[in-house]
Amino acid sequence: MKIRILIILIISMLGFTGSIYANVSEKPEISDIHTEINSIEIKVQGHQLVINNTGELSEPIYVYALTGQAVKSFEAVPGTTTCELPSGYYIVKTEKKSSRIIIR
């Protein structure tokens, strides 16, 4: 009960008017979501990270060491983008997904 009152109080303080659920009917189609997620393909070839962007827009790419330290960040333009990395384990993040890779 206290949580409901707190939520109502926060909503009223933020100045929401009208229905909170007004945008529920504007859901993207499942096929649209599938297309967006699959627009970036991540591969490893030797010491290179190869990003194949089949979308129409540039996508930011972030590369992290397993410790969480940021190693590189760059834009993957439409087409193929490569990035040289030293041997190690990495996490590659895009806006929509993340992948673990090993550079040997």
N, C-alpha and C. Protein backbone atom coordinates (compact mmCIF):
# COMPACT_ATOMS: atom_id res chain seq x y z
N MET A 1 0.83 -1.19 0.00
CA MET A 1 0.00 0.00 0.00
C MET A 1 0.87 1.26 0.00
N LYS A 2 1.94 1.24 0.79
CA LYS A 2 2.82 2.40 0.85
C LYS A 2 3.51 2.65 -0.49
N ILE A 3 3.84 1.56 -1.21
CA ILE A 3 4.50 1.69 -2.51
C ILE A 3 3.56 2.36 -3.51
N ARG A 4 2.29 1.97 -3.50
CA ARG A 4 1.33 2.60 -4.41
C ARG A 4 1.20 4.08 -4.15
N ILE A 5 1.13 4.45 -2.89
CA ILE A 5 1.02 5.87 -2.54
C ILE A 5 2.27 6.61 -2.98
N LEU A 6 3.44 6.00 -2.78
CA LEU A 6 4.69 6.63 -3.20
C LEU A 6 4.75 6.81 -4.71
N ILE A 7 4.31 5.81 -5.47
CA ILE A 7 4.30 5.92 -6.93
C ILE A 7 3.35 7.02 -7.38
N ILE A 8 2.18 7.07 -6.80
CA ILE A 8 1.21 8.12 -7.16
C ILE A 8 1.76 9.49 -6.82
N LEU A 9 2.43 9.61 -5.68
CA LEU A 9 3.02 10.89 -5.27
C LEU A 9 4.12 11.32 -6.24
N ILE A 10 4.98 10.37 -6.65
CA ILE A 10 6.06 10.69 -7.59
C ILE A 10 5.49 11.11 -8.94
N ILE A 11 4.48 10.40 -9.41
CA ILE A 11 3.87 10.74 -10.69
C ILE A 11 3.25 12.13 -10.64
N SER A 12 2.58 12.44 -9.55
CA SER A 12 1.95 13.76 -9.45
C SER A 12 3.00 14.86 -9.34
N MET A 13 4.15 14.57 -8.69
CA MET A 13 5.21 15.57 -8.57
C MET A 13 5.87 15.84 -9.92
N LEU A 14 5.94 14.83 -10.77
CA LEU A 14 6.56 15.01 -12.09
C LEU A 14 5.63 15.72 -13.06
N GLY A 15 4.40 15.90 -12.69
CA GLY A 15 3.47 16.66 -13.53
C GLY A 15 2.83 15.87 -14.64
N PHE A 16 2.71 14.56 -14.49
CA PHE A 16 2.04 13.77 -15.50
C PHE A 16 0.55 14.07 -15.48
N THR A 17 0.01 14.31 -16.64
CA THR A 17 -1.44 14.48 -16.76
C THR A 17 -1.94 13.51 -17.81
N GLY A 18 -3.14 13.06 -17.68
CA GLY A 18 -3.68 12.11 -18.64
C GLY A 18 -3.27 10.70 -18.26
N SER A 19 -3.40 9.81 -19.18
CA SER A 19 -3.16 8.40 -18.93
C SER A 19 -1.69 8.06 -19.08
N ILE A 20 -1.18 7.25 -18.18
CA ILE A 20 0.20 6.79 -18.27
C ILE A 20 0.35 5.79 -19.41
N TYR A 21 -0.71 5.07 -19.73
CA TYR A 21 -0.67 4.01 -20.71
C TYR A 21 -1.07 4.47 -22.11
N ALA A 22 -0.91 5.73 -22.42
CA ALA A 22 -1.35 6.27 -23.69
C ALA A 22 -0.59 5.69 -24.88
N ASN A 23 0.69 5.33 -24.72
CA ASN A 23 1.51 4.87 -25.85
C ASN A 23 1.57 3.35 -25.99
N VAL A 24 0.77 2.62 -25.26
CA VAL A 24 0.82 1.16 -25.31
C VAL A 24 0.47 0.65 -26.71
N SER A 25 -0.43 1.31 -27.40
CA SER A 25 -0.84 0.84 -28.73
C SER A 25 0.21 1.08 -29.81
N GLU A 26 1.25 1.83 -29.51
CA GLU A 26 2.27 2.15 -30.50
C GLU A 26 3.48 1.22 -30.39
N LYS A 27 3.24 -0.08 -30.25
CA LYS A 27 4.33 -1.05 -30.15
C LYS A 27 4.91 -1.31 -31.54
N PRO A 28 6.25 -1.46 -31.63
CA PRO A 28 6.84 -1.81 -32.93
C PRO A 28 6.49 -3.24 -33.30
N GLU A 29 6.48 -3.50 -34.57
CA GLU A 29 6.21 -4.85 -35.05
C GLU A 29 7.37 -5.76 -34.69
N ILE A 30 7.10 -7.03 -34.48
CA ILE A 30 8.14 -8.00 -34.15
C ILE A 30 9.20 -8.05 -35.24
N SER A 31 8.79 -7.99 -36.50
CA SER A 31 9.76 -8.06 -37.60
C SER A 31 10.69 -6.85 -37.58
N ASP A 32 10.19 -5.67 -37.16
CA ASP A 32 11.03 -4.48 -37.06
C ASP A 32 12.12 -4.67 -36.00
N ILE A 33 11.74 -5.24 -34.86
CA ILE A 33 12.70 -5.46 -33.79
C ILE A 33 13.76 -6.44 -34.25
N HIS A 34 13.37 -7.52 -34.89
CA HIS A 34 14.31 -8.54 -35.37
C HIS A 34 15.30 -7.93 -36.36
N THR A 35 14.84 -7.07 -37.24
CA THR A 35 15.70 -6.43 -38.23
C THR A 35 16.71 -5.52 -37.55
N GLU A 36 16.29 -4.75 -36.54
CA GLU A 36 17.20 -3.84 -35.86
C GLU A 36 18.29 -4.59 -35.12
N ILE A 37 17.95 -5.66 -34.43
CA ILE A 37 18.92 -6.41 -33.65
C ILE A 37 19.95 -7.07 -34.57
N ASN A 38 19.52 -7.56 -35.71
CA ASN A 38 20.43 -8.27 -36.61
C ASN A 38 21.19 -7.36 -37.55
N SER A 39 21.15 -6.04 -37.37
CA SER A 39 21.87 -5.16 -38.28
C SER A 39 23.37 -5.13 -37.99
N ILE A 40 23.81 -5.62 -36.84
CA ILE A 40 25.23 -5.65 -36.48
C ILE A 40 25.67 -7.11 -36.32
N GLU A 41 26.73 -7.48 -37.03
CA GLU A 41 27.31 -8.81 -36.91
C GLU A 41 28.74 -8.66 -36.43
N ILE A 42 29.11 -9.38 -35.38
CA ILE A 42 30.43 -9.27 -34.76
C ILE A 42 31.20 -10.56 -35.03
N LYS A 43 32.44 -10.42 -35.56
CA LYS A 43 33.31 -11.57 -35.84
C LYS A 43 34.71 -11.26 -35.35
N VAL A 44 35.50 -12.31 -35.19
CA VAL A 44 36.92 -12.16 -34.86
C VAL A 44 37.72 -12.86 -35.94
N GLN A 45 38.70 -12.15 -36.52
CA GLN A 45 39.61 -12.72 -37.51
C GLN A 45 41.03 -12.36 -37.09
N GLY A 46 41.76 -13.35 -36.57
CA GLY A 46 43.12 -13.07 -36.08
C GLY A 46 43.06 -12.14 -34.88
N HIS A 47 43.77 -11.01 -34.97
CA HIS A 47 43.75 -10.00 -33.90
C HIS A 47 42.79 -8.86 -34.21
N GLN A 48 41.89 -9.07 -35.15
CA GLN A 48 40.96 -8.01 -35.54
C GLN A 48 39.53 -8.35 -35.14
N LEU A 49 38.85 -7.34 -34.65
CA LEU A 49 37.42 -7.40 -34.43
C LEU A 49 36.77 -6.86 -35.70
N VAL A 50 35.90 -7.64 -36.32
CA VAL A 50 35.27 -7.25 -37.57
C VAL A 50 33.78 -7.03 -37.30
N ILE A 51 33.31 -5.82 -37.57
CA ILE A 51 31.92 -5.45 -37.38
C ILE A 51 31.29 -5.26 -38.75
N ASN A 52 30.25 -6.03 -39.04
CA ASN A 52 29.52 -5.88 -40.30
C ASN A 52 28.17 -5.22 -39.97
N ASN A 53 28.00 -3.99 -40.40
CA ASN A 53 26.78 -3.23 -40.15
C ASN A 53 25.92 -3.24 -41.40
N THR A 54 24.83 -4.01 -41.36
CA THR A 54 23.93 -4.08 -42.52
C THR A 54 22.83 -3.03 -42.45
N GLY A 55 22.82 -2.22 -41.41
CA GLY A 55 21.82 -1.16 -41.28
C GLY A 55 22.19 0.04 -42.13
N GLU A 56 21.35 1.04 -42.07
CA GLU A 56 21.57 2.25 -42.85
C GLU A 56 22.26 3.36 -42.07
N LEU A 57 22.35 3.22 -40.74
CA LEU A 57 22.94 4.25 -39.90
C LEU A 57 24.18 3.74 -39.19
N SER A 58 25.06 4.66 -38.78
CA SER A 58 26.22 4.29 -37.98
C SER A 58 25.75 3.86 -36.59
N GLU A 59 26.47 2.91 -36.01
CA GLU A 59 26.14 2.40 -34.68
C GLU A 59 27.36 2.58 -33.78
N PRO A 60 27.19 3.10 -32.57
CA PRO A 60 28.33 3.18 -31.65
C PRO A 60 28.68 1.79 -31.13
N ILE A 61 29.98 1.50 -31.06
CA ILE A 61 30.49 0.22 -30.57
C ILE A 61 31.42 0.52 -29.39
N TYR A 62 31.24 -0.23 -28.31
CA TYR A 62 32.07 -0.07 -27.12
C TYR A 62 32.73 -1.41 -26.82
N VAL A 63 34.05 -1.40 -26.59
CA VAL A 63 34.79 -2.61 -26.28
C VAL A 63 35.33 -2.46 -24.85
N TYR A 64 35.02 -3.47 -24.01
CA TYR A 64 35.44 -3.46 -22.61
C TYR A 64 36.26 -4.71 -22.31
N ALA A 65 37.25 -4.57 -21.43
CA ALA A 65 37.95 -5.73 -20.90
C ALA A 65 37.01 -6.41 -19.90
N LEU A 66 37.28 -7.65 -19.53
CA LEU A 66 36.42 -8.35 -18.58
C LEU A 66 36.41 -7.68 -17.21
N THR A 67 37.41 -6.85 -16.93
CA THR A 67 37.45 -6.12 -15.66
C THR A 67 36.48 -4.94 -15.67
N GLY A 68 35.92 -4.62 -16.83
CA GLY A 68 35.00 -3.49 -16.94
C GLY A 68 35.65 -2.24 -17.48
N GLN A 69 36.95 -2.26 -17.66
CA GLN A 69 37.68 -1.10 -18.17
C GLN A 69 37.38 -0.89 -19.65
N ALA A 70 37.04 0.33 -20.04
CA ALA A 70 36.79 0.65 -21.45
C ALA A 70 38.11 0.56 -22.21
N VAL A 71 38.10 -0.20 -23.31
CA VAL A 71 39.31 -0.39 -24.12
C VAL A 71 39.25 0.50 -25.35
N LYS A 72 38.11 0.46 -26.07
CA LYS A 72 37.94 1.26 -27.29
C LYS A 72 36.47 1.60 -27.46
N SER A 73 36.24 2.68 -28.17
CA SER A 73 34.89 3.00 -28.63
C SER A 73 35.02 3.64 -30.00
N PHE A 74 34.10 3.27 -30.89
CA PHE A 74 34.15 3.79 -32.25
C PHE A 74 32.78 3.65 -32.89
N GLU A 75 32.61 4.24 -34.06
CA GLU A 75 31.36 4.16 -34.82
C GLU A 75 31.51 3.10 -35.90
N ALA A 76 30.55 2.19 -35.96
CA ALA A 76 30.51 1.19 -37.03
C ALA A 76 29.63 1.75 -38.14
N VAL A 77 30.27 2.23 -39.19
CA VAL A 77 29.54 2.79 -40.33
C VAL A 77 28.89 1.66 -41.11
N PRO A 78 27.88 1.93 -41.92
CA PRO A 78 27.30 0.87 -42.75
C PRO A 78 28.39 0.21 -43.60
N GLY A 79 28.39 -1.10 -43.60
CA GLY A 79 29.44 -1.85 -44.28
C GLY A 79 30.28 -2.57 -43.26
N THR A 80 31.56 -2.72 -43.52
CA THR A 80 32.45 -3.46 -42.63
C THR A 80 33.44 -2.52 -41.98
N THR A 81 33.60 -2.65 -40.66
CA THR A 81 34.55 -1.86 -39.88
C THR A 81 35.43 -2.83 -39.11
N THR A 82 36.74 -2.59 -39.08
CA THR A 82 37.66 -3.46 -38.34
C THR A 82 38.34 -2.68 -37.24
N CYS A 83 38.76 -3.40 -36.21
CA CYS A 83 39.43 -2.80 -35.06
C CYS A 83 40.50 -3.78 -34.58
N GLU A 84 41.73 -3.35 -34.49
CA GLU A 84 42.84 -4.19 -34.03
C GLU A 84 42.83 -4.21 -32.49
N LEU A 85 42.93 -5.43 -31.92
CA LEU A 85 42.94 -5.59 -30.46
C LEU A 85 44.04 -6.56 -30.05
N PRO A 86 44.67 -6.32 -28.89
CA PRO A 86 45.64 -7.30 -28.40
C PRO A 86 44.93 -8.55 -27.88
N SER A 87 45.68 -9.62 -27.66
CA SER A 87 45.10 -10.87 -27.16
C SER A 87 44.39 -10.64 -25.83
N GLY A 88 43.24 -11.30 -25.66
CA GLY A 88 42.50 -11.18 -24.41
C GLY A 88 41.03 -11.48 -24.58
N TYR A 89 40.31 -11.35 -23.48
CA TYR A 89 38.86 -11.54 -23.46
C TYR A 89 38.20 -10.17 -23.40
N TYR A 90 37.16 -9.97 -24.20
CA TYR A 90 36.52 -8.67 -24.30
C TYR A 90 34.99 -8.82 -24.34
N ILE A 91 34.33 -7.74 -23.98
CA ILE A 91 32.89 -7.62 -24.15
C ILE A 91 32.67 -6.49 -25.15
N VAL A 92 31.94 -6.78 -26.22
CA VAL A 92 31.64 -5.79 -27.26
C VAL A 92 30.17 -5.44 -27.13
N LYS A 93 29.90 -4.15 -26.94
CA LYS A 93 28.52 -3.70 -26.75
C LYS A 93 28.09 -2.77 -27.86
N THR A 94 26.86 -2.96 -28.31
CA THR A 94 26.19 -2.02 -29.20
C THR A 94 25.01 -1.47 -28.42
N GLU A 95 24.19 -0.67 -29.05
CA GLU A 95 23.02 -0.15 -28.35
C GLU A 95 22.00 -1.23 -28.05
N LYS A 96 22.00 -2.31 -28.84
CA LYS A 96 20.94 -3.31 -28.72
C LYS A 96 21.39 -4.67 -28.21
N LYS A 97 22.70 -4.93 -28.20
CA LYS A 97 23.16 -6.24 -27.73
C LYS A 97 24.61 -6.15 -27.30
N SER A 98 25.07 -7.23 -26.65
CA SER A 98 26.47 -7.32 -26.27
C SER A 98 26.95 -8.75 -26.55
N SER A 99 28.25 -8.89 -26.80
CA SER A 99 28.85 -10.18 -27.12
C SER A 99 30.19 -10.31 -26.40
N ARG A 100 30.51 -11.52 -26.00
CA ARG A 100 31.83 -11.80 -25.44
C ARG A 100 32.70 -12.38 -26.56
N ILE A 101 33.92 -11.89 -26.65
CA ILE A 101 34.83 -12.39 -27.69
C ILE A 101 36.18 -12.73 -27.07
N ILE A 102 36.93 -13.55 -27.77
CA ILE A 102 38.29 -13.91 -27.38
C ILE A 102 39.21 -13.60 -28.56
N ILE A 103 40.26 -12.82 -28.30
CA ILE A 103 41.29 -12.56 -29.31
C ILE A 103 42.51 -13.38 -28.88
N ARG A 104 42.96 -14.28 -29.75
CA ARG A 104 44.10 -15.16 -29.40
C ARG A 104 45.37 -14.67 -30.02
